[in-house]
Amino acid sequence: MRTQEDDPAGRPSVLTAMLAGSMPAMPTPAPGSVRQHLLDESRPSGRAALAVVPTKQGQKPREFTASDKALIRKVHGYMATLQLLGILNERLVCDVGDEATLYTIDQLKAEIASVTTAVPASSNDWGTLRKLLAKARRDGVLNLIDEQVINDFAVVYSLNQKAVMSLKDVLLNGDNE
């Protein structure tokens, strides 16, 4: 710790001023200001260094766990891929330790591709509707739809009675087909 004798100008050190209570006011961010992170940068050059995860030579990254896959399935559409990779790697390090081989961006992209089986929305034929209903059933969305949800949907989108009856026939009686 420097003292006044150590300072050639005779000024007290920052530590001494802080302890004495005469420390000048430190700048504080304005209320509501947002701190910028490297992952938030819109420039690809700012994110390029984060996209490459150093792996240990000869070690293959481990597979995603069931909880990791569930997290990927739930948030991949709302969160940037690199941010999701950072969260997954942080969870991995917390679970396994610093010696863990981190997940890679290619591994995450492959997992996202496997959980998102796109249904072609270009056609309105019965086959496409059946595929869409099968995907909704697999994802558990179809089980959440009941008559009240359909009635609320009809009110919001001003559907006529024929459209409401068609929706109820297809969605509520879909297990028969």
Protein backbone atom coordinates (compact mmCIF):
# COMPACT_ATOMS: atom_id res chain seq x y z
CA MET A 1 0.00 0.00 0.00
CA ARG A 2 1.33 3.39 -0.93
CA THR A 3 1.30 6.20 1.58
CA GLN A 4 1.63 9.93 1.23
CA GLU A 5 5.36 9.62 1.67
CA ASP A 6 5.50 7.25 -1.35
CA ASP A 7 3.63 9.64 -3.62
CA PRO A 8 5.97 12.31 -5.04
CA ALA A 9 3.20 14.92 -5.36
CA GLY A 10 2.03 14.39 -1.80
CA ARG A 11 -1.42 13.25 -2.94
CA PRO A 12 -3.05 10.38 -1.05
CA SER A 13 -3.42 7.10 -2.89
CA VAL A 14 -6.78 5.98 -4.24
CA LEU A 15 -7.02 3.31 -1.56
CA THR A 16 -6.34 5.83 1.21
CA ALA A 17 -8.90 8.23 -0.23
CA MET A 18 -11.46 5.47 -0.53
CA LEU A 19 -10.92 4.30 3.05
CA ALA A 20 -11.11 7.87 4.34
CA GLY A 21 -14.46 8.37 2.60
CA SER A 22 -13.24 11.14 0.34
CA MET A 23 -13.22 8.99 -2.79
CA PRO A 24 -14.62 10.79 -5.81
CA ALA A 25 -17.92 9.45 -7.10
CA MET A 26 -17.43 6.58 -9.50
CA PRO A 27 -19.42 6.73 -12.70
CA THR A 28 -22.52 4.56 -12.55
CA PRO A 29 -24.50 3.40 -15.52
CA ALA A 30 -27.72 5.19 -16.26
CA PRO A 31 -30.90 3.50 -15.03
CA GLY A 32 -32.17 1.09 -17.64
CA SER A 33 -28.87 0.87 -19.47
CA VAL A 34 -27.95 -2.48 -20.97
CA ARG A 35 -24.51 -4.01 -20.68
CA GLN A 36 -23.19 -5.27 -23.99
CA HIS A 37 -21.78 -8.78 -24.14
CA LEU A 38 -19.64 -10.35 -26.84
CA LEU A 39 -22.52 -12.64 -27.81
CA ASP A 40 -24.76 -9.62 -28.40
CA GLU A 41 -22.51 -8.09 -31.05
CA SER A 42 -24.01 -7.95 -34.50
CA ARG A 43 -20.60 -8.12 -36.14
CA PRO A 44 -19.62 -11.68 -37.05
CA SER A 45 -15.99 -10.86 -36.21
CA GLY A 46 -16.95 -10.35 -32.57
CA ARG A 47 -18.60 -13.74 -32.41
CA ALA A 48 -16.09 -15.66 -34.51
CA ALA A 49 -13.70 -16.28 -31.66
CA LEU A 50 -16.51 -17.64 -29.51
CA ALA A 51 -17.80 -20.02 -32.16
CA VAL A 52 -14.71 -22.21 -32.03
CA VAL A 53 -14.47 -24.19 -28.83
CA PRO A 54 -11.04 -25.61 -28.13
CA THR A 55 -11.24 -29.34 -27.58
CA LYS A 56 -8.63 -31.64 -26.23
CA GLN A 57 -6.81 -33.60 -28.90
CA GLY A 58 -8.15 -37.10 -29.40
CA GLN A 59 -11.22 -36.59 -27.24
CA LYS A 60 -14.65 -36.59 -28.77
CA PRO A 61 -17.29 -34.40 -27.09
CA ARG A 62 -19.82 -36.40 -25.13
CA GLU A 63 -23.41 -36.72 -26.27
CA PHE A 64 -26.10 -34.39 -24.98
CA THR A 65 -27.95 -35.63 -21.92
CA ALA A 66 -31.74 -35.91 -21.79
CA SER A 67 -31.98 -32.63 -19.90
CA ASP A 68 -29.71 -30.92 -22.45
CA LYS A 69 -31.88 -32.21 -25.29
CA ALA A 70 -35.01 -30.97 -23.54
CA LEU A 71 -33.45 -27.53 -23.08
CA ILE A 72 -32.40 -27.44 -26.74
CA ARG A 73 -35.87 -28.46 -27.87
CA LYS A 74 -37.56 -25.79 -25.73
CA VAL A 75 -35.36 -22.73 -26.37
CA HIS A 76 -33.53 -23.20 -29.69
CA GLY A 77 -36.13 -21.14 -31.54
CA TYR A 78 -35.87 -18.20 -29.15
CA MET A 79 -32.17 -18.08 -28.30
CA ALA A 80 -29.08 -17.51 -30.42
CA THR A 81 -27.19 -20.71 -31.12
CA LEU A 82 -23.94 -19.46 -29.61
CA GLN A 83 -25.70 -18.29 -26.48
CA LEU A 84 -27.38 -21.69 -26.11
CA LEU A 85 -24.02 -23.40 -26.63
CA GLY A 86 -22.50 -21.23 -23.90
CA ILE A 87 -25.26 -22.19 -21.48
CA LEU A 88 -24.91 -25.89 -22.29
CA ASN A 89 -21.13 -25.78 -21.88
CA GLU A 90 -21.46 -23.88 -18.60
CA ARG A 91 -23.85 -26.55 -17.32
CA LEU A 92 -21.43 -29.25 -18.46
CA VAL A 93 -18.50 -27.65 -16.64
CA CYS A 94 -20.60 -27.26 -13.48
CA ASP A 95 -21.66 -30.92 -13.63
CA VAL A 96 -18.42 -32.60 -14.71
CA GLY A 97 -15.70 -30.10 -13.89
CA ASP A 98 -13.04 -28.17 -15.77
CA GLU A 99 -11.60 -31.29 -17.38
CA ALA A 100 -14.82 -31.86 -19.40
CA THR A 101 -14.61 -31.74 -23.17
CA LEU A 102 -16.99 -28.96 -24.20
CA TYR A 103 -19.80 -29.33 -26.71
CA THR A 104 -19.14 -27.99 -30.21
CA ILE A 105 -21.26 -25.73 -32.39
CA ASP A 106 -21.49 -28.47 -35.03
CA GLN A 107 -22.77 -30.90 -32.43
CA LEU A 108 -25.42 -28.40 -31.31
CA LYS A 109 -26.52 -27.66 -34.87
CA ALA A 110 -26.88 -31.38 -35.57
CA GLU A 111 -29.00 -31.80 -32.44
CA ILE A 112 -31.19 -28.84 -33.41
CA ALA A 113 -31.67 -30.35 -36.85
CA SER A 114 -32.69 -33.67 -35.32
CA VAL A 115 -35.32 -32.16 -33.01
CA THR A 116 -36.85 -29.89 -35.63
CA THR A 117 -38.47 -32.00 -38.26
CA ALA A 118 -40.12 -29.42 -40.43
CA VAL A 119 -43.51 -30.16 -41.90
CA PRO A 120 -43.91 -28.69 -45.38
CA ALA A 121 -46.33 -25.80 -45.11
CA SER A 122 -46.57 -25.29 -48.84
CA SER A 123 -49.62 -27.45 -49.38
CA ASN A 124 -53.01 -27.69 -47.72
CA ASP A 125 -53.75 -31.30 -48.56
CA TRP A 126 -54.84 -34.03 -46.16
CA GLY A 127 -51.40 -35.68 -46.10
CA THR A 128 -49.69 -32.51 -44.90
CA LEU A 129 -52.35 -32.03 -42.24
CA ARG A 130 -51.85 -35.60 -41.00
CA LYS A 131 -48.07 -35.02 -40.77
CA LEU A 132 -48.65 -31.79 -38.87
CA LEU A 133 -51.03 -33.51 -36.46
CA ALA A 134 -48.58 -36.39 -35.95
CA LYS A 135 -45.79 -33.94 -35.10
CA ALA A 136 -48.08 -32.07 -32.69
CA ARG A 137 -49.02 -35.37 -31.05
CA ARG A 138 -45.34 -36.38 -30.68
CA ASP A 139 -44.46 -33.00 -29.17
CA GLY A 140 -47.38 -33.21 -26.73
CA VAL A 141 -49.14 -30.14 -28.10
CA LEU A 142 -52.21 -32.02 -29.33
CA ASN A 143 -52.90 -33.34 -25.83
CA LEU A 144 -53.17 -29.76 -24.55
CA ILE A 145 -55.92 -28.80 -27.00
CA ASP A 146 -59.45 -29.21 -25.69
CA GLU A 147 -62.84 -27.82 -26.67
CA GLN A 148 -62.30 -24.63 -24.65
CA VAL A 149 -59.05 -23.86 -26.51
CA ILE A 150 -60.82 -24.31 -29.84
CA ASN A 151 -63.70 -22.05 -28.75
CA ASP A 152 -61.26 -19.36 -27.60
CA PHE A 153 -59.38 -19.66 -30.89
CA ALA A 154 -62.68 -19.29 -32.78
CA VAL A 155 -63.53 -16.10 -30.89
CA VAL A 156 -60.11 -14.52 -31.38
CA TYR A 157 -59.95 -15.32 -35.09
CA SER A 158 -63.70 -14.85 -35.79
CA LEU A 159 -64.26 -18.32 -37.18
CA ASN A 160 -67.68 -19.35 -38.40
CA GLN A 161 -69.54 -22.40 -37.07
CA LYS A 162 -68.48 -24.63 -39.96
CA ALA A 163 -64.79 -23.90 -39.33
CA VAL A 164 -65.22 -24.49 -35.59
CA MET A 165 -66.92 -27.84 -36.19
CA SER A 166 -64.18 -28.85 -38.65
CA LEU A 167 -61.48 -27.97 -36.12
CA LYS A 168 -63.21 -29.96 -33.40
CA ASP A 169 -63.65 -32.96 -35.70
CA VAL A 170 -60.00 -32.97 -36.77
CA LEU A 171 -58.31 -32.08 -33.49
CA LEU A 172 -60.50 -33.71 -30.88
CA ASN A 173 -61.30 -36.88 -32.82
CA GLY A 174 -57.83 -37.23 -34.37
CA ASP A 175 -57.01 -40.45 -32.49
CA ASN A 176 -59.55 -42.44 -34.51
CA GLU A 177 -57.64 -42.14 -37.77
